[in-house]
C-alpha atoms as a PDB file:
ATOM      1  CA  UNK A   1      10.044  24.379  52.324  1.00  0.00           C
ATOM      2  CA  UNK A   2      13.162  22.612  51.085  1.00  0.00           C
ATOM      3  CA  UNK A   3      11.501  19.261  51.749  1.00  0.00           C
ATOM      4  CA  UNK A   4       8.445  20.272  49.691  1.00  0.00           C
ATOM      5  CA  UNK A   5      10.629  21.406  46.770  1.00  0.00           C
ATOM      6  CA  UNK A   6      12.617  18.158  46.934  1.00  0.00           C
ATOM      7  CA  UNK A   7       9.400  16.149  46.923  1.00  0.00           C
ATOM      8  CA  UNK A   8       8.119  18.177  43.958  1.00  0.00           C
ATOM      9  CA  UNK A   9      11.368  17.552  42.081  1.00  0.00           C
ATOM     10  CA  UNK A  10      11.079  13.839  42.818  1.00  0.00           C
ATOM     11  CA  UNK A  11       7.472  13.862  41.600  1.00  0.00           C
ATOM     12  CA  UNK A  12       8.463  15.801  38.473  1.00  0.00           C
ATOM     13  CA  UNK A  13      11.310  13.375  37.779  1.00  0.00           C
ATOM     14  CA  UNK A  14       8.979  10.424  38.357  1.00  0.00           C
ATOM     15  CA  UNK A  15       6.322  11.936  36.091  1.00  0.00           C
ATOM     16  CA  UNK A  16       8.921  12.745  33.431  1.00  0.00           C
ATOM     17  CA  UNK A  17      10.276   9.214  33.604  1.00  0.00           C
ATOM     18  CA  UNK A  18       6.766   7.770  33.284  1.00  0.00           C
ATOM     19  CA  UNK A  19       6.058  10.066  30.366  1.00  0.00           C
ATOM     20  CA  UNK A  20       9.289   9.038  28.608  1.00  0.00           C
ATOM     21  CA  UNK A  21       8.516   5.333  29.185  1.00  0.00           C
ATOM     22  CA  UNK A  22       4.982   5.818  27.867  1.00  0.00           C
ATOM     23  CA  UNK A  23       6.255   7.610  24.788  1.00  0.00           C
ATOM     24  CA  UNK A  24       8.920   4.971  24.117  1.00  0.00           C
ATOM     25  CA  UNK A  25       6.466   2.085  24.517  1.00  0.00           C
ATOM     26  CA  UNK A  26       3.069   3.355  23.384  1.00  0.00           C
ATOM     27  CA  UNK A  27       3.991   5.384  20.303  1.00  0.00           C
ATOM     28  CA  UNK A  28       5.834   2.518  18.549  1.00  0.00           C
ATOM     29  CA  UNK A  29       2.795   0.271  19.115  1.00  0.00           C
ATOM     30  CA  UNK A  30       0.490   2.897  17.654  1.00  0.00           C
ATOM     31  CA  UNK A  31       2.864   3.270  14.695  1.00  0.00           C
ATOM     32  CA  UNK A  32       2.991  -0.503  14.196  1.00  0.00           C
ATOM     33  CA  UNK A  33      -0.806  -0.627  14.275  1.00  0.00           C
ATOM     34  CA  UNK A  34      -1.078   1.963  11.486  1.00  0.00           C
ATOM     35  CA  UNK A  35       1.688   0.305   9.436  1.00  0.00           C
ATOM     36  CA  UNK A  36       0.002  -3.097   9.827  1.00  0.00           C
ATOM     37  CA  UNK A  37      -3.354  -1.706   8.650  1.00  0.00           C
ATOM     38  CA  UNK A  38      -1.736   0.074   5.695  1.00  0.00           C
ATOM     39  CA  UNK A  39       0.187  -3.084   4.683  1.00  0.00           C
ATOM     40  CA  UNK A  40      -2.886  -5.309   5.109  1.00  0.00           C
ATOM     41  CA  UNK A  41      -4.948  -2.979   2.891  1.00  0.00           C
ATOM     42  CA  UNK A  42      -2.207  -3.091   0.235  1.00  0.00           C
ATOM     43  CA  UNK A  43      -2.183  -6.920   0.357  1.00  0.00           C
ATOM     44  CA  UNK A  44      -5.937  -7.079  -0.052  1.00  0.00           C
ATOM     45  CA  UNK A  45      -5.676  -5.097  -3.297  1.00  0.00           C
ATOM     46  CA  UNK A  46      -2.848  -7.030  -5.000  1.00  0.00           C
ATOM     47  CA  UNK A  47      -4.068  -8.257  -8.382  1.00  0.00           C
ATOM     48  CA  UNK A  48      -0.954  -9.900  -9.811  1.00  0.00           C
ATOM     49  CA  UNK A  49      -1.241 -13.625 -10.260  1.00  0.00           C
ATOM     50  CA  UNK A  50       1.175 -15.752  -8.352  1.00  0.00           C
ATOM     51  CA  UNK A  51       0.144 -19.007 -10.017  1.00  0.00           C
ATOM     52  CA  UNK A  52      -1.127 -20.143 -13.391  1.00  0.00           C
ATOM     53  CA  UNK A  53      -2.730 -23.582 -13.416  1.00  0.00           C
ATOM     54  CA  UNK A  54      -3.241 -25.239 -16.809  1.00  0.00           C
ATOM     55  CA  UNK A  55      -5.402 -28.364 -16.864  1.00  0.00           C
ATOM     56  CA  UNK A  56      -5.122 -30.511 -19.989  1.00  0.00           C
ATOM     57  CA  UNK A  57      -8.058 -32.524 -18.595  1.00  0.00           C
ATOM     58  CA  UNK A  58     -10.426 -29.546 -18.317  1.00  0.00           C
ATOM     59  CA  UNK A  59      -8.778 -27.614 -21.198  1.00  0.00           C
ATOM     60  CA  UNK A  60      -8.732 -24.553 -18.936  1.00  0.00           C
ATOM     61  CA  UNK A  61      -6.128 -21.992 -17.861  1.00  0.00           C
ATOM     62  CA  UNK A  62      -6.747 -20.511 -14.406  1.00  0.00           C
ATOM     63  CA  UNK A  63      -4.983 -17.660 -12.612  1.00  0.00           C
ATOM     64  CA  UNK A  64      -4.723 -17.543  -8.822  1.00  0.00           C
ATOM     65  CA  UNK A  65      -3.637 -14.684  -6.579  1.00  0.00           C
ATOM     66  CA  UNK A  66      -1.280 -14.908  -3.601  1.00  0.00           C
ATOM     67  CA  UNK A  67      -4.220 -15.854  -1.334  1.00  0.00           C
ATOM     68  CA  UNK A  68      -5.093 -18.894  -3.487  1.00  0.00           C
ATOM     69  CA  UNK A  69      -8.237 -17.252  -4.860  1.00  0.00           C
ATOM     70  CA  UNK A  70      -9.084 -17.799  -8.506  1.00  0.00           C
ATOM     71  CA  UNK A  71      -8.792 -14.526 -10.427  1.00  0.00           C
ATOM     72  CA  UNK A  72     -10.012 -15.790 -13.791  1.00  0.00           C
ATOM     73  CA  UNK A  73     -10.390 -18.932 -15.894  1.00  0.00           C
ATOM     74  CA  UNK A  74     -10.325 -19.319 -19.686  1.00  0.00           C
ATOM     75  CA  UNK A  75     -10.721 -22.091 -22.260  1.00  0.00           C
ATOM     76  CA  UNK A  76      -7.497 -23.003 -24.026  1.00  0.00           C
ATOM     77  CA  UNK A  77      -6.002 -25.319 -26.632  1.00  0.00           C
ATOM     78  CA  UNK A  78      -2.902 -27.451 -26.123  1.00  0.00           C
ATOM     79  CA  UNK A  79      -0.648 -29.905 -27.967  1.00  0.00           C
ATOM     80  CA  UNK A  80      -2.153 -31.985 -30.753  1.00  0.00           C
ATOM     81  CA  UNK A  81      -0.700 -35.250 -29.382  1.00  0.00           C
ATOM     82  CA  UNK A  82      -1.232 -36.828 -25.967  1.00  0.00           C
ATOM     83  CA  UNK A  83       1.540 -37.269 -23.399  1.00  0.00           C
ATOM     84  CA  UNK A  84       4.339 -35.200 -21.923  1.00  0.00           C
ATOM     85  CA  UNK A  85       6.665 -33.325 -24.259  1.00  0.00           C
ATOM     86  CA  UNK A  86       9.812 -35.379 -24.878  1.00  0.00           C
ATOM     87  CA  UNK A  87      11.372 -33.821 -27.963  1.00  0.00           C
ATOM     88  CA  UNK A  88      11.103 -30.916 -30.355  1.00  0.00           C
ATOM     89  CA  UNK A  89       8.345 -31.457 -32.900  1.00  0.00           C
ATOM     90  CA  UNK A  90       6.406 -34.159 -31.007  1.00  0.00           C
ATOM     91  CA  UNK A  91       3.339 -31.856 -30.857  1.00  0.00           C
ATOM     92  CA  UNK A  92       2.911 -32.435 -27.103  1.00  0.00           C
ATOM     93  CA  UNK A  93       2.461 -29.929 -24.291  1.00  0.00           C
ATOM     94  CA  UNK A  94       4.940 -30.304 -21.425  1.00  0.00           C
ATOM     95  CA  UNK A  95       3.658 -31.240 -17.972  1.00  0.00           C
ATOM     96  CA  UNK A  96       5.133 -30.071 -14.701  1.00  0.00           C
ATOM     97  CA  UNK A  97       6.042 -26.891 -12.848  1.00  0.00           C
ATOM     98  CA  UNK A  98       7.614 -24.053 -14.838  1.00  0.00           C
ATOM     99  CA  UNK A  99       8.163 -20.309 -14.593  1.00  0.00           C
ATOM    100  CA  UNK A 100       7.477 -17.413 -16.936  1.00  0.00           C
ATOM    101  CA  UNK A 101      10.825 -16.356 -18.400  1.00  0.00           C
ATOM    102  CA  UNK A 102       9.697 -13.526 -20.687  1.00  0.00           C
ATOM    103  CA  UNK A 103       6.645 -11.727 -22.033  1.00  0.00           C
ATOM    104  CA  UNK A 104       7.087 -10.660 -25.654  1.00  0.00           C
ATOM    105  CA  UNK A 105       4.939  -8.701 -28.080  1.00  0.00           C
ATOM    106  CA  UNK A 106       4.180 -11.119 -30.908  1.00  0.00           C
ATOM    107  CA  UNK A 107       1.521  -9.367 -32.980  1.00  0.00           C
ATOM    108  CA  UNK A 108       3.742  -9.209 -36.066  1.00  0.00           C
ATOM    109  CA  UNK A 109       5.256 -12.697 -35.726  1.00  0.00           C
ATOM    110  CA  UNK A 110       4.536 -15.131 -38.556  1.00  0.00           C
ATOM    111  CA  UNK A 111       4.311 -18.925 -38.430  1.00  0.00           C
ATOM    112  CA  UNK A 112       3.655 -21.722 -40.908  1.00  0.00           C
ATOM    113  CA  UNK A 113       1.577 -24.468 -39.298  1.00  0.00           C
ATOM    114  CA  UNK A 114       2.275 -26.799 -42.256  1.00  0.00           C
ATOM    115  CA  UNK A 115      -1.448 -26.990 -42.967  1.00  0.00           C
ATOM    116  CA  UNK A 116      -1.235 -25.683 -46.517  1.00  0.00           C
ATOM    117  CA  UNK A 117      -2.062 -22.076 -45.574  1.00  0.00           C
ATOM    118  CA  UNK A 118       1.556 -20.883 -45.520  1.00  0.00           C
ATOM    119  CA  UNK A 119       2.895 -18.290 -43.098  1.00  0.00           C
ATOM    120  CA  UNK A 120       0.276 -16.485 -41.055  1.00  0.00           C
ATOM    121  CA  UNK A 121       1.155 -13.088 -39.589  1.00  0.00           C
ATOM    122  CA  UNK A 122      -0.231 -12.688 -36.085  1.00  0.00           C
ATOM    123  CA  UNK A 123      -0.493 -16.455 -35.618  1.00  0.00           C
ATOM    124  CA  UNK A 124       0.511 -16.128 -31.952  1.00  0.00           C
ATOM    125  CA  UNK A 125      -1.777 -13.218 -31.147  1.00  0.00           C
ATOM    126  CA  UNK A 126      -0.576 -10.023 -29.455  1.00  0.00           C
ATOM    127  CA  UNK A 127       1.691 -11.595 -26.792  1.00  0.00           C
ATOM    128  CA  UNK A 128       3.869 -14.650 -26.224  1.00  0.00           C
ATOM    129  CA  UNK A 129       4.383 -15.567 -22.558  1.00  0.00           C
ATOM    130  CA  UNK A 130       7.526 -17.678 -22.785  1.00  0.00           C
ATOM    131  CA  UNK A 131       7.966 -20.501 -20.280  1.00  0.00           C
ATOM    132  CA  UNK A 132      11.258 -21.803 -18.953  1.00  0.00           C
ATOM    133  CA  UNK A 133      10.894 -25.466 -19.981  1.00  0.00           C
ATOM    134  CA  UNK A 134      14.185 -27.360 -19.730  1.00  0.00           C
ATOM    135  CA  UNK A 135      15.214 -28.715 -23.130  1.00  0.00           C
ATOM    136  CA  UNK A 136      12.527 -26.785 -25.016  1.00  0.00           C
ATOM    137  CA  UNK A 137      12.910 -23.104 -25.952  1.00  0.00           C
ATOM    138  CA  UNK A 138       9.723 -22.379 -27.862  1.00  0.00           C
ATOM    139  CA  UNK A 139       7.010 -23.261 -25.349  1.00  0.00           C
ATOM    140  CA  UNK A 140       4.692 -20.527 -24.182  1.00  0.00           C
ATOM    141  CA  UNK A 141       1.197 -19.196 -23.625  1.00  0.00           C
ATOM    142  CA  UNK A 142      -0.001 -17.122 -26.555  1.00  0.00           C
ATOM    143  CA  UNK A 143      -2.990 -15.903 -28.541  1.00  0.00           C
ATOM    144  CA  UNK A 144      -4.237 -17.171 -31.871  1.00  0.00           C
ATOM    145  CA  UNK A 145      -5.472 -16.390 -35.359  1.00  0.00           C
ATOM    146  CA  UNK A 146      -7.984 -19.249 -34.920  1.00  0.00           C
ATOM    147  CA  UNK A 147     -10.263 -18.736 -31.875  1.00  0.00           C
ATOM    148  CA  UNK A 148     -12.374 -21.748 -32.935  1.00  0.00           C
ATOM    149  CA  UNK A 149      -9.523 -24.030 -31.834  1.00  0.00           C
ATOM    150  CA  UNK A 150     -10.233 -23.530 -28.114  1.00  0.00           C
ATOM    151  CA  UNK A 151     -10.811 -26.663 -26.024  1.00  0.00           C
ATOM    152  CA  UNK A 152      -9.112 -28.766 -28.701  1.00  0.00           C
ATOM    153  CA  UNK A 153      -5.836 -30.565 -29.161  1.00  0.00           C
ATOM    154  CA  UNK A 154      -4.586 -28.198 -31.826  1.00  0.00           C
ATOM    155  CA  UNK A 155      -1.123 -26.765 -31.087  1.00  0.00           C
ATOM    156  CA  UNK A 156       2.483 -27.780 -31.614  1.00  0.00           C
ATOM    157  CA  UNK A 157       2.912 -27.867 -27.829  1.00  0.00           C
ATOM    158  CA  UNK A 158       2.128 -24.327 -26.648  1.00  0.00           C
ATOM    159  CA  UNK A 159      -0.906 -23.190 -24.693  1.00  0.00           C
ATOM    160  CA  UNK A 160      -3.229 -21.174 -26.930  1.00  0.00           C
ATOM    161  CA  UNK A 161      -5.812 -18.664 -25.699  1.00  0.00           C
ATOM    162  CA  UNK A 162      -8.285 -16.373 -27.405  1.00  0.00           C
ATOM    163  CA  UNK A 163      -6.611 -13.009 -27.949  1.00  0.00           C
ATOM    164  CA  UNK A 164      -9.098 -11.170 -25.732  1.00  0.00           C
ATOM    165  CA  UNK A 165      -8.429 -13.631 -22.888  1.00  0.00           C
ATOM    166  CA  UNK A 166      -4.667 -13.331 -23.349  1.00  0.00           C
ATOM    167  CA  UNK A 167      -4.949  -9.537 -23.073  1.00  0.00           C
ATOM    168  CA  UNK A 168      -6.677  -9.984 -19.698  1.00  0.00           C
ATOM    169  CA  UNK A 169      -3.916 -12.135 -18.198  1.00  0.00           C
ATOM    170  CA  UNK A 170      -0.818 -10.336 -19.533  1.00  0.00           C
ATOM    171  CA  UNK A 171      -1.075  -7.437 -17.019  1.00  0.00           C
ATOM    172  CA  UNK A 172      -1.398  -9.960 -14.175  1.00  0.00           C
ATOM    173  CA  UNK A 173       1.665 -12.116 -14.867  1.00  0.00           C
ATOM    174  CA  UNK A 174       5.353 -11.276 -14.650  1.00  0.00           C
ATOM    175  CA  UNK A 175       8.793 -12.777 -15.004  1.00  0.00           C
ATOM    176  CA  UNK A 176       8.975 -15.649 -12.518  1.00  0.00           C
ATOM    177  CA  UNK A 177       5.237 -16.375 -12.270  1.00  0.00           C
ATOM    178  CA  UNK A 178       4.798 -20.087 -11.501  1.00  0.00           C
ATOM    179  CA  UNK A 179       2.984 -22.137 -14.167  1.00  0.00           C
ATOM    180  CA  UNK A 180       1.725 -25.657 -13.408  1.00  0.00           C
ATOM    181  CA  UNK A 181       0.600 -27.826 -16.331  1.00  0.00           C
ATOM    182  CA  UNK A 182      -1.279 -30.984 -15.365  1.00  0.00           C
ATOM    183  CA  UNK A 183      -1.918 -34.058 -17.509  1.00  0.00           C
ATOM    184  CA  UNK A 184      -5.273 -35.395 -18.614  1.00  0.00           C
ATOM    185  CA  UNK A 185      -6.325 -39.045 -18.327  1.00  0.00           C
ATOM    186  CA  UNK A 186      -5.582 -39.468 -22.022  1.00  0.00           C
ATOM    187  CA  UNK A 187      -2.105 -38.004 -21.559  1.00  0.00           C
ATOM    188  CA  UNK A 188      -1.404 -40.671 -18.950  1.00  0.00           C
ATOM    189  CA  UNK A 189      -3.111 -43.678 -20.552  1.00  0.00           C
ATOM    190  CA  UNK A 190      -2.061 -42.921 -24.140  1.00  0.00           C
ATOM    191  CA  UNK A 191       1.611 -42.613 -23.233  1.00  0.00           C
ATOM    192  CA  UNK A 192       3.817 -45.526 -24.252  1.00  0.00           C
ATOM    193  CA  UNK A 193       5.938 -47.387 -21.682  1.00  0.00           C
ATOM    194  CA  UNK A 194       9.086 -46.113 -23.430  1.00  0.00           C
ATOM    195  CA  UNK A 195       7.945 -42.517 -22.964  1.00  0.00           C
ATOM    196  CA  UNK A 196       7.099 -43.164 -19.314  1.00  0.00           C
ATOM    197  CA  UNK A 197      10.519 -44.645 -18.580  1.00  0.00           C
ATOM    198  CA  UNK A 198      12.219 -41.723 -20.368  1.00  0.00           C
ATOM    199  CA  UNK A 199      10.316 -39.203 -18.255  1.00  0.00           C
ATOM    200  CA  UNK A 200      11.384 -40.783 -14.934  1.00  0.00           C
END
């Protein structure tokens, strides 16, 4: 009788040990499986852009998500003159890799484009997405009072969008969003040798 009870106790201890091991090993894996699925579903639904690509060749601004998928693409206008921005007032759009430093409401800002029309309130549209461009404080992506200027060399160096397009991208960008601005053929071939040596 004592032997049977001892054997039962051994079996109970063995079963208990197996149960504890199963709980310690299996439950964490089940938990990790559910956490992985939850996290993966969250990733699939992220809408914020992680990259803005601006092509001076195509005259297009494109937003891409963290997976490298294009979210949207819009026509834009850029600097009146060809080449990479070298100095304030050269009417050129900078080329390179930058980051968004600030998003400001600009609906009541006024600007004089020196075209004989004087100051225009709302010239930059509803928002100004300021870029961190070394040596240049006033470069950004903004709206316009002149939507007919899209796909043209028309700005003092900023990237200009239609106001309705700007309103679509503002919720998707944030401080630190990477912005890449690429040159067009004309930017490269219409740049003087002095400007090229200064940019190196």
